[in-house]
């Protein structure tokens, strides 16, 4: 038992309630993430120096994609949670699938939803789909950060029991044990750290001219930060630990790491081959 336990800052999940209408922090977190991601993506699309030439899309394209992205996040995130985490419960209670305001969104489902939205939008606008992947991937950490803060406010997805002096007792914990505030760990790793690493690639290394590289980096780095976070987070009670002490979050993240590394390698080699072909065709001096 720790000698010190930080008091959990009990924040009402409902910001404002007027009759049956309620504005929840959970919903505001998604709105904030989408708006900030939209703003950042527009900036990336507008700066030619980051692309070493003409950007693959315009800020107007980003404006139009926001609706597609929002649908992908909400529909994919909810369906992912239903299918990956609680299929038996929602099969028995199908109407609760639509009660998104009660919480229950899966990042991996939202990720797949946005991927589908990007493919359809890129084809519709004749944009290089890998470049669109890159811009959106660099903007996603905003949503991840605010989503984890919302998890903390909802006192959900809390951590494993611990004796660290910053442990907290969450009001939703049946056992009332001091636990890691793992939502804050994940907000830092998946939001702040991931954003800074991707920004180094876009603004310092300037790899936006390698379509698919940032998307691959995002997948690999997110997978790594998620796996790290899972060591402090309690697995969902209805799933528990899997074989070898793995969790569902780890299991879903491992393929992302492998695919991300493969995609970065492919994007870098593809750019190198293109540069080699241009050099071979240039006149000798």
Protein backbone atom coordinates (compact mmCIF):
# COMPACT_ATOMS: atom_id res chain seq x y z
CA UNK A 1 0.00 0.00 0.00
CA UNK A 2 1.50 3.37 -0.96
CA UNK A 3 2.25 5.97 1.66
CA UNK A 4 0.78 8.61 -0.64
CA UNK A 5 -2.26 8.42 -2.89
CA UNK A 6 -3.29 11.33 -5.06
CA UNK A 7 -6.98 12.18 -4.74
CA UNK A 8 -8.90 11.50 -7.93
CA UNK A 9 -10.25 14.84 -9.21
CA UNK A 10 -13.89 13.84 -9.47
CA UNK A 11 -15.08 15.68 -12.58
CA UNK A 12 -18.68 15.27 -13.65
CA UNK A 13 -18.62 13.53 -17.07
CA UNK A 14 -21.53 15.81 -18.04
CA UNK A 15 -20.44 19.42 -18.57
CA UNK A 16 -23.93 20.88 -19.06
CA UNK A 17 -27.32 19.22 -18.73
CA UNK A 18 -30.59 20.81 -19.82
CA UNK A 19 -33.47 18.39 -19.38
CA UNK A 20 -32.74 15.27 -21.44
CA UNK A 21 -30.03 17.09 -23.38
CA UNK A 22 -26.49 16.72 -22.03
CA UNK A 23 -23.08 17.86 -23.26
CA UNK A 24 -20.44 15.39 -22.13
CA UNK A 25 -16.70 15.83 -21.89
CA UNK A 26 -16.36 12.62 -23.91
CA UNK A 27 -18.09 14.21 -26.91
CA UNK A 28 -16.17 17.48 -26.50
CA UNK A 29 -12.90 15.53 -26.51
CA UNK A 30 -13.69 14.06 -29.92
CA UNK A 31 -14.75 17.47 -31.25
CA UNK A 32 -11.55 19.11 -29.96
CA UNK A 33 -9.41 16.35 -31.48
CA UNK A 34 -11.11 16.61 -34.86
CA UNK A 35 -10.94 20.42 -34.99
CA UNK A 36 -7.28 20.62 -33.98
CA UNK A 37 -6.38 17.77 -36.33
CA UNK A 38 -8.22 19.59 -39.13
CA UNK A 39 -6.29 22.80 -38.41
CA UNK A 40 -2.95 21.01 -38.35
CA UNK A 41 -3.64 19.02 -41.52
CA UNK A 42 -4.49 22.25 -43.35
CA UNK A 43 -1.16 23.73 -42.30
CA UNK A 44 0.71 20.68 -43.57
CA UNK A 45 -1.12 20.82 -46.90
CA UNK A 46 -0.35 24.53 -47.33
CA UNK A 47 3.43 24.49 -46.76
CA UNK A 48 5.28 23.68 -49.97
CA UNK A 49 8.70 23.56 -48.29
CA UNK A 50 7.64 20.50 -46.29
CA UNK A 51 6.90 18.61 -49.51
CA UNK A 52 10.05 19.70 -51.35
CA UNK A 53 7.73 20.83 -54.12
CA UNK A 54 4.02 21.08 -54.80
CA UNK A 55 1.82 19.58 -52.02
CA UNK A 56 -0.22 16.53 -52.95
CA UNK A 57 -3.44 18.24 -51.81
CA UNK A 58 -4.85 21.65 -50.92
CA UNK A 59 -6.26 23.01 -47.66
CA UNK A 60 -9.68 22.94 -49.35
CA UNK A 61 -9.33 19.19 -49.85
CA UNK A 62 -8.67 18.86 -46.11
CA UNK A 63 -11.77 20.96 -45.37
CA UNK A 64 -13.91 18.61 -47.43
CA UNK A 65 -12.36 15.50 -45.90
CA UNK A 66 -13.31 16.45 -42.31
CA UNK A 67 -16.86 15.10 -42.70
CA UNK A 68 -15.54 11.83 -44.13
CA UNK A 69 -13.01 11.53 -41.32
CA UNK A 70 -15.61 12.21 -38.62
CA UNK A 71 -17.86 9.48 -39.95
CA UNK A 72 -14.92 7.08 -40.15
CA UNK A 73 -13.86 7.82 -36.57
CA UNK A 74 -17.31 7.52 -35.01
CA UNK A 75 -18.62 4.57 -37.02
CA UNK A 76 -15.33 2.67 -37.09
CA UNK A 77 -14.51 3.37 -33.46
CA UNK A 78 -17.90 2.20 -32.25
CA UNK A 79 -18.07 -0.86 -34.48
CA UNK A 80 -14.52 -1.77 -33.49
CA UNK A 81 -15.44 -1.66 -29.81
CA UNK A 82 -18.58 -3.72 -30.43
CA UNK A 83 -16.79 -6.39 -32.49
CA UNK A 84 -13.39 -6.52 -30.76
CA UNK A 85 -14.31 -6.07 -27.11
CA UNK A 86 -17.97 -6.86 -26.28
CA UNK A 87 -19.60 -8.75 -29.15
CA UNK A 88 -21.69 -11.03 -26.91
CA UNK A 89 -23.07 -8.13 -24.87
CA UNK A 90 -24.12 -6.08 -27.90
CA UNK A 91 -25.53 -9.12 -29.65
CA UNK A 92 -27.85 -9.48 -26.65
CA UNK A 93 -28.45 -5.69 -26.41
CA UNK A 94 -28.30 -4.38 -29.99
CA UNK A 95 -29.95 -1.02 -29.25
CA UNK A 96 -27.08 -0.08 -26.94
CA UNK A 97 -24.74 -0.09 -29.92
CA UNK A 98 -26.07 3.38 -30.75
CA UNK A 99 -25.54 4.80 -27.24
CA UNK A 100 -22.13 6.27 -28.08
CA UNK A 101 -22.49 8.91 -25.34
CA UNK A 102 -22.10 6.16 -22.74
CA UNK A 103 -18.51 5.57 -23.91
CA UNK A 104 -17.04 2.58 -25.67
CA UNK A 105 -14.86 3.47 -28.65
CA UNK A 106 -11.95 1.39 -29.94
CA UNK A 107 -8.97 3.16 -31.47
CA UNK A 108 -8.22 0.26 -33.80
CA UNK A 109 -11.78 0.37 -35.12
CA UNK A 110 -11.62 4.14 -35.60
CA UNK A 111 -8.28 3.70 -37.35
CA UNK A 112 -9.78 1.26 -39.85
CA UNK A 113 -12.80 3.53 -40.31
CA UNK A 114 -10.59 6.49 -41.22
CA UNK A 115 -8.50 4.33 -43.55
CA UNK A 116 -11.62 3.39 -45.50
CA UNK A 117 -12.73 7.05 -45.57
CA UNK A 118 -9.31 8.15 -46.87
CA UNK A 119 -9.27 5.56 -49.65
CA UNK A 120 -12.73 6.55 -50.86
CA UNK A 121 -12.04 10.28 -50.60
CA UNK A 122 -8.65 10.06 -52.37
CA UNK A 123 -10.19 8.14 -55.24
CA UNK A 124 -13.00 10.66 -55.48
CA UNK A 125 -10.59 13.62 -55.57
CA UNK A 126 -7.76 11.87 -57.46
CA UNK A 127 -5.31 12.54 -54.65
CA UNK A 128 -2.34 10.29 -53.93
CA UNK A 129 -3.87 8.12 -51.22
CA UNK A 130 -0.54 7.57 -49.46
CA UNK A 131 0.04 11.32 -49.17
CA UNK A 132 -3.42 11.74 -47.68
CA UNK A 133 -2.59 8.95 -45.23
CA UNK A 134 0.55 10.86 -44.24
CA UNK A 135 -1.17 14.18 -43.56
CA UNK A 136 -4.00 12.64 -41.56
CA UNK A 137 -1.64 10.35 -39.61
CA UNK A 138 0.44 13.35 -38.52
CA UNK A 139 -2.75 15.01 -37.22
CA UNK A 140 -4.23 12.06 -35.33
CA UNK A 141 -2.30 12.54 -32.04
CA UNK A 142 -4.54 15.49 -31.18
CA UNK A 143 -7.55 13.19 -31.07
CA UNK A 144 -5.65 10.51 -29.16
CA UNK A 145 -4.60 13.00 -26.49
CA UNK A 146 -8.08 14.37 -25.85
CA UNK A 147 -9.63 10.91 -26.06
CA UNK A 148 -7.40 9.67 -23.23
CA UNK A 149 -8.19 12.76 -21.16
CA UNK A 150 -11.87 11.93 -21.63
CA UNK A 151 -11.17 8.37 -20.42
CA UNK A 152 -9.62 9.87 -17.29
CA UNK A 153 -12.60 12.15 -16.66
CA UNK A 154 -14.95 9.17 -17.10
CA UNK A 155 -12.77 7.17 -14.65
CA UNK A 156 -12.63 4.36 -17.23
CA UNK A 157 -9.79 2.25 -18.63
CA UNK A 158 -7.79 2.84 -15.45
CA UNK A 159 -4.50 1.21 -14.58
CA UNK A 160 -3.28 -1.80 -12.69
CA UNK A 161 -2.86 -1.77 -8.89
CA UNK A 162 0.37 -0.09 -7.82
CA UNK A 163 2.22 1.43 -4.88
CA UNK A 164 3.65 4.45 -6.71
CA UNK A 165 3.06 7.72 -4.82
CA UNK A 166 0.92 9.15 -7.64
CA UNK A 167 -1.53 6.23 -7.58
CA UNK A 168 -5.24 7.06 -7.56
CA UNK A 169 -8.37 5.32 -6.35
CA UNK A 170 -10.96 5.59 -9.11
CA UNK A 171 -14.63 5.85 -8.08
CA UNK A 172 -15.64 3.27 -10.70
CA UNK A 173 -13.20 0.68 -9.37
CA UNK A 174 -15.15 -2.06 -7.60
CA UNK A 175 -12.12 -3.03 -5.49
CA UNK A 176 -11.16 0.58 -4.61
CA UNK A 177 -7.44 -0.09 -4.99
CA UNK A 178 -4.71 2.51 -5.67
CA UNK A 179 -4.01 2.26 -9.40
CA UNK A 180 -1.86 3.77 -12.12
CA UNK A 181 -3.60 6.74 -13.80
CA UNK A 182 -2.79 4.96 -17.04
CA UNK A 183 -5.10 7.21 -19.06
CA UNK A 184 -2.67 10.08 -18.39
CA UNK A 185 0.30 7.90 -19.34
CA UNK A 186 -1.40 7.07 -22.63
CA UNK A 187 -2.37 10.71 -23.24
CA UNK A 188 1.31 11.59 -22.90
CA UNK A 189 2.64 8.72 -25.02
CA UNK A 190 -0.02 8.54 -27.72
CA UNK A 191 -0.71 12.25 -27.82
CA UNK A 192 2.32 14.38 -26.95
CA UNK A 193 5.26 12.02 -27.60
CA UNK A 194 3.80 10.61 -30.80
CA UNK A 195 2.99 14.09 -32.11
CA UNK A 196 6.52 15.36 -31.47
CA UNK A 197 8.15 12.34 -33.14
CA UNK A 198 5.95 12.69 -36.24
CA UNK A 199 6.61 16.43 -36.35
CA UNK A 200 10.34 15.76 -36.42
CA UNK A 201 9.77 13.62 -39.49
CA UNK A 202 7.52 16.14 -41.28
CA UNK A 203 9.36 19.36 -40.37
CA UNK A 204 13.00 18.34 -39.82
CA UNK A 205 13.48 15.25 -41.98
CA UNK A 206 10.81 16.53 -44.42
CA UNK A 207 9.71 13.09 -45.54
CA UNK A 208 6.32 14.13 -46.92
CA UNK A 209 7.87 13.68 -50.36
CA UNK A 210 7.98 9.93 -49.58
CA UNK A 211 4.27 9.03 -49.78
CA UNK A 212 3.38 6.48 -47.11
CA UNK A 213 6.40 7.04 -44.84
CA UNK A 214 4.60 9.13 -42.21
CA UNK A 215 1.63 6.74 -42.27
CA UNK A 216 3.99 3.85 -41.62
CA UNK A 217 5.80 5.76 -38.87
CA UNK A 218 2.48 6.54 -37.22
CA UNK A 219 1.36 2.91 -37.28
CA UNK A 220 4.67 1.64 -35.89
CA UNK A 221 5.09 4.33 -33.26
CA UNK A 222 1.47 4.21 -32.11
CA UNK A 223 1.73 0.44 -31.80
CA UNK A 224 4.84 0.83 -29.63
CA UNK A 225 3.31 3.50 -27.38
CA UNK A 226 0.13 1.46 -27.01
CA UNK A 227 2.05 -1.69 -26.05
CA UNK A 228 3.98 0.30 -23.43
CA UNK A 229 0.76 1.76 -22.06
CA UNK A 230 -0.83 -1.68 -21.84
CA UNK A 231 1.76 -2.73 -19.25
CA UNK A 232 0.20 -0.20 -16.85
CA UNK A 233 -3.46 -0.47 -17.89
CA UNK A 234 -5.96 -3.02 -16.67
CA UNK A 235 -7.32 -5.18 -19.49
CA UNK A 236 -11.06 -5.11 -20.04
CA UNK A 237 -12.73 -7.18 -17.32
CA UNK A 238 -14.73 -9.27 -19.78
CA UNK A 239 -11.56 -10.20 -21.72
CA UNK A 240 -8.80 -10.21 -19.11
CA UNK A 241 -5.26 -11.27 -19.90
CA UNK A 242 -4.61 -13.43 -22.94
CA UNK A 243 -2.00 -16.15 -23.36
CA UNK A 244 1.47 -15.14 -22.23
CA UNK A 245 0.19 -12.15 -20.28
CA UNK A 246 -0.75 -10.27 -23.44
CA UNK A 247 -3.79 -8.01 -23.62
CA UNK A 248 -6.19 -7.37 -26.48
CA UNK A 249 -4.64 -3.91 -26.94
CA UNK A 250 -1.20 -5.47 -27.35
CA UNK A 251 -2.49 -8.12 -29.72
CA UNK A 252 -4.12 -5.53 -31.97
CA UNK A 253 -1.04 -3.28 -31.88
CA UNK A 254 1.60 -5.83 -32.86
CA UNK A 255 0.41 -6.08 -36.50
CA UNK A 256 0.39 -2.27 -36.67
CA UNK A 257 4.07 -2.18 -35.72
CA UNK A 258 5.03 -4.75 -38.35
CA UNK A 259 2.92 -3.14 -41.09
CA UNK A 260 4.24 0.30 -40.16
CA UNK A 261 7.88 -0.77 -40.45
CA UNK A 262 7.18 -2.47 -43.78
CA UNK A 263 5.40 0.63 -45.08
CA UNK A 264 8.25 2.97 -44.08
CA UNK A 265 10.75 0.68 -45.79
CA UNK A 266 8.63 0.48 -48.95
CA UNK A 267 8.11 4.28 -49.07
CA UNK A 268 11.81 5.02 -48.63
CA UNK A 269 12.88 2.49 -51.28
CA UNK A 270 10.20 3.68 -53.68
CA UNK A 271 11.45 7.25 -53.37
CA UNK A 272 15.06 6.10 -53.82
CA UNK A 273 14.16 4.14 -56.97
CA UNK A 274 12.32 7.15 -58.38
CA UNK A 275 15.32 9.40 -57.68
CA UNK A 276 17.63 6.84 -59.31
CA UNK A 277 15.48 6.70 -62.42
CA UNK A 278 15.47 10.48 -62.75
CA UNK A 279 19.25 10.55 -62.32
CA UNK A 280 19.76 7.86 -64.95
CA UNK A 281 17.70 9.83 -67.42
CA UNK A 282 19.52 13.12 -66.83
CA UNK A 283 22.12 14.27 -69.40
CA UNK A 284 25.74 13.70 -68.42
CA UNK A 285 27.99 16.70 -68.03
